[in-house]
Amino acid sequence: TNIIFQEKGFKVVTAKGEYIASVVILATGNKKNRPKIKRIE
């Protein structure tokens, strides 16, 4: 749900906990979750 940059590395926050890493690789693809709502665009 979140990634937080820290002085040394990153804190990765999930729905179940928090994890620390020196490097984070984003490989989720680029989904744009635009709801089907009139005039939102």
PDB file of all heavy atoms in Angstrom:
ATOM      1  N   THR A   1       0.809  -1.224   0.000  1.00  0.00           N
ATOM      2  CA  THR A   1       0.000   0.000   0.000  1.00  0.00           C
ATOM      3  C   THR A   1       0.838   1.268   0.000  1.00  0.00           C
ATOM      4  O   THR A   1       0.350   2.334  -0.344  1.00  0.00           O
ATOM      5  CB  THR A   1      -0.931   0.033   1.224  1.00  0.00           C
ATOM      6  OG1 THR A   1      -0.146  -0.046   2.420  1.00  0.00           O
ATOM      7  CG2 THR A   1      -1.912  -1.141   1.193  1.00  0.00           C
ATOM      8  N   ASN A   2       2.122   1.150   0.378  1.00  0.00           N
ATOM      9  CA  ASN A   2       2.956   2.353   0.419  1.00  0.00           C
ATOM     10  C   ASN A   2       4.429   1.971   0.398  1.00  0.00           C
ATOM     11  O   ASN A   2       4.808   0.876   0.830  1.00  0.00           O
ATOM     12  CB  ASN A   2       2.657   3.165   1.682  1.00  0.00           C
ATOM     13  CG  ASN A   2       3.008   4.635   1.541  1.00  0.00           C
ATOM     14  OD1 ASN A   2       3.529   5.063   0.503  1.00  0.00           O
ATOM     15  ND2 ASN A   2       2.728   5.415   2.557  1.00  0.00           N
ATOM     16  N   ILE A   3       5.249   2.879  -0.118  1.00  0.00           N
ATOM     17  CA  ILE A   3       6.705   2.744  -0.070  1.00  0.00           C
ATOM     18  C   ILE A   3       7.259   4.059   0.456  1.00  0.00           C
ATOM     19  O   ILE A   3       6.922   5.124  -0.072  1.00  0.00           O
ATOM     20  CB  ILE A   3       7.306   2.447  -1.460  1.00  0.00           C
ATOM     21  CG1 ILE A   3       6.684   1.192  -2.060  1.00  0.00           C
ATOM     22  CG2 ILE A   3       8.820   2.279  -1.359  1.00  0.00           C
ATOM     23  CD1 ILE A   3       7.098   0.939  -3.502  1.00  0.00           C
ATOM     24  N   ILE A   4       8.079   3.987   1.480  1.00  0.00           N
ATOM     25  CA  ILE A   4       8.596   5.195   2.125  1.00  0.00           C
ATOM     26  C   ILE A   4      10.112   5.215   2.026  1.00  0.00           C
ATOM     27  O   ILE A   4      10.782   4.252   2.429  1.00  0.00           O
ATOM     28  CB  ILE A   4       8.159   5.249   3.599  1.00  0.00           C
ATOM     29  CG1 ILE A   4       6.623   5.234   3.688  1.00  0.00           C
ATOM     30  CG2 ILE A   4       8.720   6.509   4.285  1.00  0.00           C
ATOM     31  CD1 ILE A   4       6.096   4.989   5.082  1.00  0.00           C
ATOM     32  N   PHE A   5      10.646   6.303   1.466  1.00  0.00           N
ATOM     33  CA  PHE A   5      12.094   6.448   1.355  1.00  0.00           C
ATOM     34  C   PHE A   5      12.667   6.801   2.721  1.00  0.00           C
ATOM     35  O   PHE A   5      12.168   7.686   3.401  1.00  0.00           O
ATOM     36  CB  PHE A   5      12.448   7.536   0.341  1.00  0.00           C
ATOM     37  CG  PHE A   5      13.921   7.739   0.167  1.00  0.00           C
ATOM     38  CD1 PHE A   5      14.682   6.797  -0.482  1.00  0.00           C
ATOM     39  CD2 PHE A   5      14.547   8.868   0.675  1.00  0.00           C
ATOM     40  CE1 PHE A   5      16.049   6.968  -0.646  1.00  0.00           C
ATOM     41  CE2 PHE A   5      15.909   9.056   0.518  1.00  0.00           C
ATOM     42  CZ  PHE A   5      16.660   8.102  -0.138  1.00  0.00           C
ATOM     43  N   GLN A   6      13.709   6.088   3.136  1.00  0.00           N
ATOM     44  CA  GLN A   6      14.356   6.334   4.409  1.00  0.00           C
ATOM     45  C   GLN A   6      15.816   6.719   4.175  1.00  0.00           C
ATOM     46  O   GLN A   6      16.298   6.700   3.048  1.00  0.00           O
ATOM     47  CB  GLN A   6      14.273   5.083   5.291  1.00  0.00           C
ATOM     48  CG  GLN A   6      12.841   4.661   5.582  1.00  0.00           C
ATOM     49  CD  GLN A   6      12.771   3.531   6.586  1.00  0.00           C
ATOM     50  OE1 GLN A   6      11.955   3.542   7.477  1.00  0.00           O
ATOM     51  NE2 GLN A   6      13.632   2.543   6.426  1.00  0.00           N
ATOM     52  N   GLU A   7      16.503   7.061   5.255  1.00  0.00           N
ATOM     53  CA  GLU A   7      17.896   7.471   5.131  1.00  0.00           C
ATOM     54  C   GLU A   7      18.735   6.363   4.500  1.00  0.00           C
ATOM     55  O   GLU A   7      19.611   6.621   3.679  1.00  0.00           O
ATOM     56  CB  GLU A   7      18.467   7.827   6.509  1.00  0.00           C
ATOM     57  CG  GLU A   7      19.875   8.379   6.459  1.00  0.00           C
ATOM     58  CD  GLU A   7      20.384   8.793   7.818  1.00  0.00           C
ATOM     59  OE1 GLU A   7      19.606   8.797   8.782  1.00  0.00           O
ATOM     60  OE2 GLU A   7      21.590   9.102   7.916  1.00  0.00           O
ATOM     61  N   LYS A   8      18.440   5.139   4.884  1.00  0.00           N
ATOM     62  CA  LYS A   8      19.134   3.994   4.300  1.00  0.00           C
ATOM     63  C   LYS A   8      18.094   3.025   3.754  1.00  0.00           C
ATOM     64  O   LYS A   8      17.553   2.204   4.480  1.00  0.00           O
ATOM     65  CB  LYS A   8      20.020   3.305   5.340  1.00  0.00           C
ATOM     66  CG  LYS A   8      21.193   4.158   5.803  1.00  0.00           C
ATOM     67  CD  LYS A   8      22.068   3.394   6.772  1.00  0.00           C
ATOM     68  CE  LYS A   8      23.266   4.228   7.209  1.00  0.00           C
ATOM     69  NZ  LYS A   8      24.135   3.502   8.169  1.00  0.00           N
ATOM     70  N   GLY A   9      17.792   3.150   2.482  1.00  0.00           N
ATOM     71  CA  GLY A   9      16.884   2.210   1.848  1.00  0.00           C
ATOM     72  C   GLY A   9      15.432   2.645   1.876  1.00  0.00           C
ATOM     73  O   GLY A   9      15.111   3.831   1.907  1.00  0.00           O
ATOM     74  N   PHE A  10      14.539   1.644   1.913  1.00  0.00           N
ATOM     75  CA  PHE A  10      13.110   1.888   1.788  1.00  0.00           C
ATOM     76  C   PHE A  10      12.335   1.045   2.790  1.00  0.00           C
ATOM     77  O   PHE A  10      12.740  -0.073   3.129  1.00  0.00           O
ATOM     78  CB  PHE A  10      12.625   1.525   0.383  1.00  0.00           C
ATOM     79  CG  PHE A  10      13.290   2.303  -0.712  1.00  0.00           C
ATOM     80  CD1 PHE A  10      14.502   1.884  -1.244  1.00  0.00           C
ATOM     81  CD2 PHE A  10      12.716   3.468  -1.202  1.00  0.00           C
ATOM     82  CE1 PHE A  10      15.121   2.599  -2.255  1.00  0.00           C
ATOM     83  CE2 PHE A  10      13.328   4.194  -2.211  1.00  0.00           C
ATOM     84  CZ  PHE A  10      14.536   3.757  -2.741  1.00  0.00           C
ATOM     85  N   LYS A  11      11.215   1.602   3.245  1.00  0.00           N
ATOM     86  CA  LYS A  11      10.266   0.831   4.048  1.00  0.00           C
ATOM     87  C   LYS A  11       9.076   0.530   3.156  1.00  0.00           C
ATOM     88  O   LYS A  11       8.436   1.439   2.619  1.00  0.00           O
ATOM     89  CB  LYS A  11       9.825   1.603   5.283  1.00  0.00           C
ATOM     90  CG  LYS A  11       8.771   0.855   6.108  1.00  0.00           C
ATOM     91  CD  LYS A  11       8.594   1.440   7.503  1.00  0.00           C
ATOM     92  CE  LYS A  11       7.980   2.805   7.462  1.00  0.00           C
ATOM     93  NZ  LYS A  11       7.690   3.315   8.824  1.00  0.00           N
ATOM     94  N   VAL A  12       8.781  -0.747   2.986  1.00  0.00           N
ATOM     95  CA  VAL A  12       7.656  -1.186   2.170  1.00  0.00           C
ATOM     96  C   VAL A  12       6.525  -1.586   3.113  1.00  0.00           C
ATOM     97  O   VAL A  12       6.681  -2.467   3.950  1.00  0.00           O
ATOM     98  CB  VAL A  12       8.051  -2.368   1.264  1.00  0.00           C
ATOM     99  CG1 VAL A  12       6.847  -2.860   0.476  1.00  0.00           C
ATOM    100  CG2 VAL A  12       9.178  -1.955   0.317  1.00  0.00           C
ATOM    101  N   VAL A  13       5.391  -0.922   2.962  1.00  0.00           N
ATOM    102  CA  VAL A  13       4.242  -1.159   3.837  1.00  0.00           C
ATOM    103  C   VAL A  13       3.209  -1.998   3.099  1.00  0.00           C
ATOM    104  O   VAL A  13       2.821  -1.674   1.971  1.00  0.00           O
ATOM    105  CB  VAL A  13       3.601   0.177   4.280  1.00  0.00           C
ATOM    106  CG1 VAL A  13       2.434  -0.074   5.232  1.00  0.00           C
ATOM    107  CG2 VAL A  13       4.646   1.087   4.926  1.00  0.00           C
ATOM    108  N   THR A  14       2.774  -3.081   3.723  1.00  0.00           N
ATOM    109  CA  THR A  14       1.736  -3.927   3.136  1.00  0.00           C
ATOM    110  C   THR A  14       0.525  -3.942   4.059  1.00  0.00           C
ATOM    111  O   THR A  14       0.533  -3.349   5.131  1.00  0.00           O
ATOM    112  CB  THR A  14       2.223  -5.376   2.929  1.00  0.00           C
ATOM    113  OG1 THR A  14       2.235  -6.053   4.200  1.00  0.00           O
ATOM    114  CG2 THR A  14       3.614  -5.404   2.307  1.00  0.00           C
ATOM    115  N   ALA A  15      -0.505  -4.634   3.623  1.00  0.00           N
ATOM    116  CA  ALA A  15      -1.706  -4.741   4.443  1.00  0.00           C
ATOM    117  C   ALA A  15      -1.457  -5.558   5.707  1.00  0.00           C
ATOM    118  O   ALA A  15      -2.261  -5.520   6.640  1.00  0.00           O
ATOM    119  CB  ALA A  15      -2.831  -5.369   3.626  1.00  0.00           C
ATOM    120  N   LYS A  16      -0.323  -6.267   5.771  1.00  0.00           N
ATOM    121  CA  LYS A  16      -0.048  -7.137   6.917  1.00  0.00           C
ATOM    122  C   LYS A  16       1.165  -6.728   7.750  1.00  0.00           C
ATOM    123  O   LYS A  16       1.337  -7.205   8.859  1.00  0.00           O
ATOM    124  CB  LYS A  16       0.157  -8.579   6.429  1.00  0.00           C
ATOM    125  CG  LYS A  16      -1.080  -9.184   5.791  1.00  0.00           C
ATOM    126  CD  LYS A  16      -0.822 -10.609   5.355  1.00  0.00           C
ATOM    127  CE  LYS A  16      -2.058 -11.226   4.716  1.00  0.00           C
ATOM    128  NZ  LYS A  16      -1.804 -12.630   4.264  1.00  0.00           N
ATOM    129  N   GLY A  17       2.036  -5.858   7.209  1.00  0.00           N
ATOM    130  CA  GLY A  17       3.228  -5.502   7.972  1.00  0.00           C
ATOM    131  C   GLY A  17       4.123  -4.522   7.240  1.00  0.00           C
ATOM    132  O   GLY A  17       3.738  -3.925   6.232  1.00  0.00           O
ATOM    133  N   GLU A  18       5.332  -4.361   7.770  1.00  0.00           N
ATOM    134  CA  GLU A  18       6.315  -3.451   7.180  1.00  0.00           C
ATOM    135  C   GLU A  18       7.632  -4.191   6.969  1.00  0.00           C
ATOM    136  O   GLU A  18       8.031  -5.025   7.791  1.00  0.00           O
ATOM    137  CB  GLU A  18       6.540  -2.242   8.100  1.00  0.00           C
ATOM    138  CG  GLU A  18       5.289  -1.408   8.318  1.00  0.00           C
ATOM    139  CD  GLU A  18       5.523  -0.221   9.244  1.00  0.00           C
ATOM    140  OE1 GLU A  18       6.624  -0.153   9.859  1.00  0.00           O
ATOM    141  OE2 GLU A  18       4.627   0.634   9.363  1.00  0.00           O
ATOM    142  N   TYR A  19       8.317  -3.874   5.859  1.00  0.00           N
ATOM    143  CA  TYR A  19       9.546  -4.554   5.486  1.00  0.00           C
ATOM    144  C   TYR A  19      10.570  -3.522   5.026  1.00  0.00           C
ATOM    145  O   TYR A  19      10.218  -2.522   4.406  1.00  0.00           O
ATOM    146  CB  TYR A  19       9.280  -5.562   4.359  1.00  0.00           C
ATOM    147  CG  TYR A  19       8.203  -6.583   4.691  1.00  0.00           C
ATOM    148  CD1 TYR A  19       6.846  -6.260   4.567  1.00  0.00           C
ATOM    149  CD2 TYR A  19       8.534  -7.857   5.138  1.00  0.00           C
ATOM    150  CE1 TYR A  19       5.853  -7.182   4.879  1.00  0.00           C
ATOM    151  CE2 TYR A  19       7.549  -8.788   5.445  1.00  0.00           C
ATOM    152  CZ  TYR A  19       6.213  -8.447   5.317  1.00  0.00           C
ATOM    153  OH  TYR A  19       5.240  -9.370   5.627  1.00  0.00           O
ATOM    154  N   ILE A  20      11.835  -3.789   5.329  1.00  0.00           N
ATOM    155  CA  ILE A  20      12.915  -2.865   4.982  1.00  0.00           C
ATOM    156  C   ILE A  20      13.782  -3.487   3.889  1.00  0.00           C
ATOM    157  O   ILE A  20      14.095  -4.683   3.932  1.00  0.00           O
ATOM    158  CB  ILE A  20      13.790  -2.540   6.206  1.00  0.00           C
ATOM    159  CG1 ILE A  20      12.921  -2.028   7.363  1.00  0.00           C
ATOM    160  CG2 ILE A  20      14.858  -1.511   5.846  1.00  0.00           C
ATOM    161  CD1 ILE A  20      12.163  -0.764   7.056  1.00  0.00           C
ATOM    162  N   ALA A  21      14.187  -2.676   2.911  1.00  0.00           N
ATOM    163  CA  ALA A  21      15.062  -3.155   1.841  1.00  0.00           C
ATOM    164  C   ALA A  21      16.001  -2.049   1.391  1.00  0.00           C
ATOM    165  O   ALA A  21      15.684  -0.864   1.492  1.00  0.00           O
ATOM    166  CB  ALA A  21      14.234  -3.637   0.654  1.00  0.00           C
ATOM    167  N   SER A  22      17.164  -2.452   0.905  1.00  0.00           N
ATOM    168  CA  SER A  22      18.107  -1.475   0.360  1.00  0.00           C
ATOM    169  C   SER A  22      17.644  -0.961  -0.990  1.00  0.00           C
ATOM    170  O   SER A  22      17.870   0.197  -1.346  1.00  0.00           O
ATOM    171  CB  SER A  22      19.495  -2.112   0.219  1.00  0.00           C
ATOM    172  OG  SER A  22      19.976  -2.540   1.475  1.00  0.00           O
ATOM    173  N   VAL A  23      16.992  -1.861  -1.763  1.00  0.00           N
ATOM    174  CA  VAL A  23      16.552  -1.524  -3.116  1.00  0.00           C
ATOM    175  C   VAL A  23      15.130  -2.030  -3.318  1.00  0.00           C
ATOM    176  O   VAL A  23      14.774  -3.107  -2.836  1.00  0.00           O
ATOM    177  CB  VAL A  23      17.483  -2.172  -4.170  1.00  0.00           C
ATOM    178  CG1 VAL A  23      16.933  -1.980  -5.576  1.00  0.00           C
ATOM    179  CG2 VAL A  23      18.885  -1.608  -4.067  1.00  0.00           C
ATOM    180  N   VAL A  24      14.315  -1.250  -4.029  1.00  0.00           N
ATOM    181  CA  VAL A  24      12.966  -1.675  -4.403  1.00  0.00           C
ATOM    182  C   VAL A  24      12.851  -1.642  -5.922  1.00  0.00           C
ATOM    183  O   VAL A  24      13.240  -0.659  -6.562  1.00  0.00           O
ATOM    184  CB  VAL A  24      11.886  -0.768  -3.780  1.00  0.00           C
ATOM    185  CG1 VAL A  24      10.512  -1.099  -4.364  1.00  0.00           C
ATOM    186  CG2 VAL A  24      11.855  -0.929  -2.270  1.00  0.00           C
ATOM    187  N   ILE A  25      12.344  -2.729  -6.491  1.00  0.00           N
ATOM    188  CA  ILE A  25      12.084  -2.792  -7.931  1.00  0.00           C
ATOM    189  C   ILE A  25      10.573  -2.822  -8.140  1.00  0.00           C
ATOM    190  O   ILE A  25       9.881  -3.673  -7.581  1.00  0.00           O
ATOM    191  CB  ILE A  25      12.723  -4.040  -8.564  1.00  0.00           C
ATOM    192  CG1 ILE A  25      14.253  -3.973  -8.435  1.00  0.00           C
ATOM    193  CG2 ILE A  25      12.320  -4.169 -10.038  1.00  0.00           C
ATOM    194  CD1 ILE A  25      14.957  -5.222  -8.942  1.00  0.00           C
ATOM    195  N   LEU A  26      10.060  -1.869  -8.915  1.00  0.00           N
ATOM    196  CA  LEU A  26       8.631  -1.806  -9.210  1.00  0.00           C
ATOM    197  C   LEU A  26       8.351  -2.568 -10.498  1.00  0.00           C
ATOM    198  O   LEU A  26       8.834  -2.196 -11.563  1.00  0.00           O
ATOM    199  CB  LEU A  26       8.184  -0.353  -9.357  1.00  0.00           C
ATOM    200  CG  LEU A  26       8.465   0.573  -8.171  1.00  0.00           C
ATOM    201  CD1 LEU A  26       8.042   1.992  -8.504  1.00  0.00           C
ATOM    202  CD2 LEU A  26       7.745   0.085  -6.921  1.00  0.00           C
ATOM    203  N   ALA A  27       7.560  -3.621 -10.391  1.00  0.00           N
ATOM    204  CA  ALA A  27       7.257  -4.442 -11.570  1.00  0.00           C
ATOM    205  C   ALA A  27       5.781  -4.817 -11.584  1.00  0.00           C
ATOM    206  O   ALA A  27       5.411  -5.939 -11.914  1.00  0.00           O
ATOM    207  CB  ALA A  27       8.132  -5.696 -11.570  1.00  0.00           C
ATOM    208  N   THR A  28       4.944  -3.853 -11.232  1.00  0.00           N
ATOM    209  CA  THR A  28       3.507  -4.120 -11.151  1.00  0.00           C
ATOM    210  C   THR A  28       2.775  -3.790 -12.434  1.00  0.00           C
ATOM    211  O   THR A  28       1.570  -4.019 -12.550  1.00  0.00           O
ATOM    212  CB  THR A  28       2.868  -3.284 -10.025  1.00  0.00           C
ATOM    213  OG1 THR A  28       3.075  -1.906 -10.321  1.00  0.00           O
ATOM    214  CG2 THR A  28       3.484  -3.610  -8.683  1.00  0.00           C
ATOM    215  N   GLY A  29       3.483  -3.203 -13.387  1.00  0.00           N
ATOM    216  CA  GLY A  29       2.782  -2.693 -14.562  1.00  0.00           C
ATOM    217  C   GLY A  29       2.213  -1.323 -14.232  1.00  0.00           C
ATOM    218  O   GLY A  29       2.316  -0.836 -13.115  1.00  0.00           O
ATOM    219  N   ASN A  30       1.620  -0.687 -15.198  1.00  0.00           N
ATOM    220  CA  ASN A  30       1.093   0.663 -15.006  1.00  0.00           C
ATOM    221  C   ASN A  30      -0.401   0.679 -15.267  1.00  0.00           C
ATOM    222  O   ASN A  30      -0.862   0.987 -16.353  1.00  0.00           O
ATOM    223  CB  ASN A  30       1.796   1.666 -15.933  1.00  0.00           C
ATOM    224  CG  ASN A  30       1.316   3.074 -15.679  1.00  0.00           C
ATOM    225  OD1 ASN A  30       0.903   3.407 -14.579  1.00  0.00           O
ATOM    226  ND2 ASN A  30       1.369   3.895 -16.705  1.00  0.00           N
ATOM    227  N   LYS A  31      -1.150   0.295 -14.231  1.00  0.00           N
ATOM    228  CA  LYS A  31      -2.602   0.288 -14.347  1.00  0.00           C
ATOM    229  C   LYS A  31      -3.132   1.655 -13.941  1.00  0.00           C
ATOM    230  O   LYS A  31      -2.765   2.171 -12.891  1.00  0.00           O
ATOM    231  CB  LYS A  31      -3.210  -0.764 -13.426  1.00  0.00           C
ATOM    232  CG  LYS A  31      -2.722  -2.168 -13.673  1.00  0.00           C
ATOM    233  CD  LYS A  31      -3.201  -3.074 -12.573  1.00  0.00           C
ATOM    234  CE  LYS A  31      -2.600  -2.679 -11.247  1.00  0.00           C
ATOM    235  NZ  LYS A  31      -3.028  -3.530 -10.136  1.00  0.00           N
ATOM    236  N   LYS A  32      -3.994   2.229 -14.736  1.00  0.00           N
ATOM    237  CA  LYS A  32      -4.638   3.473 -14.351  1.00  0.00           C
ATOM    238  C   LYS A  32      -6.079   3.153 -14.021  1.00  0.00           C
ATOM    239  O   LYS A  32      -6.876   2.859 -14.898  1.00  0.00           O
ATOM    240  CB  LYS A  32      -4.556   4.522 -15.451  1.00  0.00           C
ATOM    241  CG  LYS A  32      -5.033   5.880 -14.969  1.00  0.00           C
ATOM    242  CD  LYS A  32      -4.475   6.998 -15.805  1.00  0.00           C
ATOM    243  CE  LYS A  32      -4.823   8.347 -15.208  1.00  0.00           C
ATOM    244  NZ  LYS A  32      -4.275   9.463 -15.982  1.00  0.00           N
ATOM    245  N   ASN A  33      -6.379   3.162 -12.729  1.00  0.00           N
ATOM    246  CA  ASN A  33      -7.701   2.765 -12.282  1.00  0.00           C
ATOM    247  C   ASN A  33      -8.658   3.958 -12.322  1.00  0.00           C
ATOM    248  O   ASN A  33      -8.991   4.544 -11.305  1.00  0.00           O
ATOM    249  CB  ASN A  33      -7.618   2.186 -10.861  1.00  0.00           C
ATOM    250  CG  ASN A  33      -6.771   0.939 -10.822  1.00  0.00           C
ATOM    251  OD1 ASN A  33      -6.968   0.032 -11.609  1.00  0.00           O
ATOM    252  ND2 ASN A  33      -5.814   0.887  -9.914  1.00  0.00           N
ATOM    253  N   ARG A  34      -9.070   4.316 -13.522  1.00  0.00           N
ATOM    254  CA  ARG A  34     -10.010   5.419 -13.665  1.00  0.00           C
ATOM    255  C   ARG A  34     -11.425   4.849 -13.613  1.00  0.00           C
ATOM    256  O   ARG A  34     -11.818   4.064 -14.474  1.00  0.00           O
ATOM    257  CB  ARG A  34      -9.792   6.151 -14.976  1.00  0.00           C
ATOM    258  CG  ARG A  34     -10.787   7.293 -15.187  1.00  0.00           C
ATOM    259  CD  ARG A  34     -10.670   7.863 -16.576  1.00  0.00           C
ATOM    260  NE  ARG A  34      -9.438   8.612 -16.749  1.00  0.00           N
ATOM    261  CZ  ARG A  34      -8.738   8.634 -17.877  1.00  0.00           C
ATOM    262  NH1 ARG A  34      -9.128   7.899 -18.904  1.00  0.00           N
ATOM    263  NH2 ARG A  34      -7.643   9.363 -17.968  1.00  0.00           N
ATOM    264  N   PRO A  35     -12.219   5.231 -12.620  1.00  0.00           N
ATOM    265  CA  PRO A  35     -13.581   4.706 -12.516  1.00  0.00           C
ATOM    266  C   PRO A  35     -14.447   5.175 -13.683  1.00  0.00           C
ATOM    267  O   PRO A  35     -14.181   6.217 -14.285  1.00  0.00           O
ATOM    268  CB  PRO A  35     -14.096   5.300 -11.194  1.00  0.00           C
ATOM    269  CG  PRO A  35     -12.931   5.932 -10.533  1.00  0.00           C
ATOM    270  CD  PRO A  35     -11.897   6.186 -11.564  1.00  0.00           C
ATOM    271  N   LYS A  36     -15.491   4.423 -13.964  1.00  0.00           N
ATOM    272  CA  LYS A  36     -16.424   4.803 -15.027  1.00  0.00           C
ATOM    273  C   LYS A  36     -17.445   5.772 -14.463  1.00  0.00           C
ATOM    274  O   LYS A  36     -18.584   5.415 -14.142  1.00  0.00           O
ATOM    275  CB  LYS A  36     -17.088   3.549 -15.604  1.00  0.00           C
ATOM    276  CG  LYS A  36     -16.112   2.643 -16.340  1.00  0.00           C
ATOM    277  CD  LYS A  36     -16.805   1.424 -16.914  1.00  0.00           C
ATOM    278  CE  LYS A  36     -15.805   0.538 -17.661  1.00  0.00           C
ATOM    279  NZ  LYS A  36     -16.458  -0.678 -18.219  1.00  0.00           N
ATOM    280  N   ILE A  37     -17.011   7.018 -14.319  1.00  0.00           N
ATOM    281  CA  ILE A  37     -17.842   8.081 -13.773  1.00  0.00           C
ATOM    282  C   ILE A  37     -17.887   9.207 -14.805  1.00  0.00           C
ATOM    283  O   ILE A  37     -16.843   9.625 -15.313  1.00  0.00           O
ATOM    284  CB  ILE A  37     -17.264   8.607 -12.437  1.00  0.00           C
ATOM    285  CG1 ILE A  37     -17.249   7.482 -11.396  1.00  0.00           C
ATOM    286  CG2 ILE A  37     -18.071   9.804 -11.934  1.00  0.00           C
ATOM    287  CD1 ILE A  37     -16.487   7.839 -10.141  1.00  0.00           C
ATOM    288  N   LYS A  38     -19.067   9.695 -15.100  1.00  0.00           N
ATOM    289  CA  LYS A  38     -19.209  10.742 -16.105  1.00  0.00           C
ATOM    290  C   LYS A  38     -18.397  11.984 -15.734  1.00  0.00           C
ATOM    291  O   LYS A  38     -18.436  12.438 -14.607  1.00  0.00           O
ATOM    292  CB  LYS A  38     -20.684  11.121 -16.264  1.00  0.00           C
ATOM    293  CG  LYS A  38     -21.538  10.030 -16.887  1.00  0.00           C
ATOM    294  CD  LYS A  38     -22.998  10.455 -16.951  1.00  0.00           C
ATOM    295  CE  LYS A  38     -23.868   9.329 -17.510  1.00  0.00           C
ATOM    296  NZ  LYS A  38     -25.300   9.691 -17.496  1.00  0.00           N
ATOM    297  N   ARG A  39     -17.621  12.478 -16.709  1.00  0.00           N
ATOM    298  CA  ARG A  39     -16.854  13.720 -16.648  1.00  0.00           C
ATOM    299  C   ARG A  39     -15.613  13.636 -15.753  1.00  0.00           C
ATOM    300  O   ARG A  39     -14.964  14.653 -15.526  1.00  0.00           O
ATOM    301  CB  ARG A  39     -17.729  14.895 -16.195  1.00  0.00           C
ATOM    302  CG  ARG A  39     -18.876  15.234 -17.151  1.00  0.00           C
ATOM    303  CD  ARG A  39     -19.372  16.637 -16.928  1.00  0.00           C
ATOM    304  NE  ARG A  39     -18.359  17.621 -17.294  1.00  0.00           N
ATOM    305  CZ  ARG A  39     -18.396  18.899 -16.896  1.00  0.00           C
ATOM    306  NH1 ARG A  39     -19.354  19.332 -16.119  1.00  0.00           N
ATOM    307  NH2 ARG A  39     -17.450  19.739 -17.279  1.00  0.00           N
ATOM    308  N   ILE A  40     -15.270  12.462 -15.256  1.00  0.00           N
ATOM    309  CA  ILE A  40     -14.089  12.385 -14.391  1.00  0.00           C
ATOM    310  C   ILE A  40     -12.825  12.809 -15.138  1.00  0.00           C
ATOM    311  O   ILE A  40     -11.959  13.491 -14.594  1.00  0.00           O
ATOM    312  CB  ILE A  40     -13.930  10.966 -13.774  1.00  0.00           C
ATOM    313  CG1 ILE A  40     -12.824  10.996 -12.702  1.00  0.00           C
ATOM    314  CG2 ILE A  40     -13.632   9.905 -14.838  1.00  0.00           C
ATOM    315  CD1 ILE A  40     -12.791   9.752 -11.850  1.00  0.00           C
ATOM    316  N   GLU A  41     -12.738  12.418 -16.411  1.00  0.00           N
ATOM    317  CA  GLU A  41     -11.553  12.759 -17.196  1.00  0.00           C
ATOM    318  C   GLU A  41     -11.454  14.270 -17.418  1.00  0.00           C
ATOM    319  O   GLU A  41     -10.349  14.834 -17.456  1.00  0.00           O
ATOM    320  CB  GLU A  41     -11.599  12.036 -18.540  1.00  0.00           C
ATOM    321  CG  GLU A  41     -10.294  12.091 -19.315  1.00  0.00           C
ATOM    322  CD  GLU A  41     -10.310  11.192 -20.528  1.00  0.00           C
ATOM    323  OE1 GLU A  41     -11.318  10.473 -20.745  1.00  0.00           O
ATOM    324  OE2 GLU A  41      -9.313  11.202 -21.271  1.00  0.00           O
TER     325      GLU A  41
END
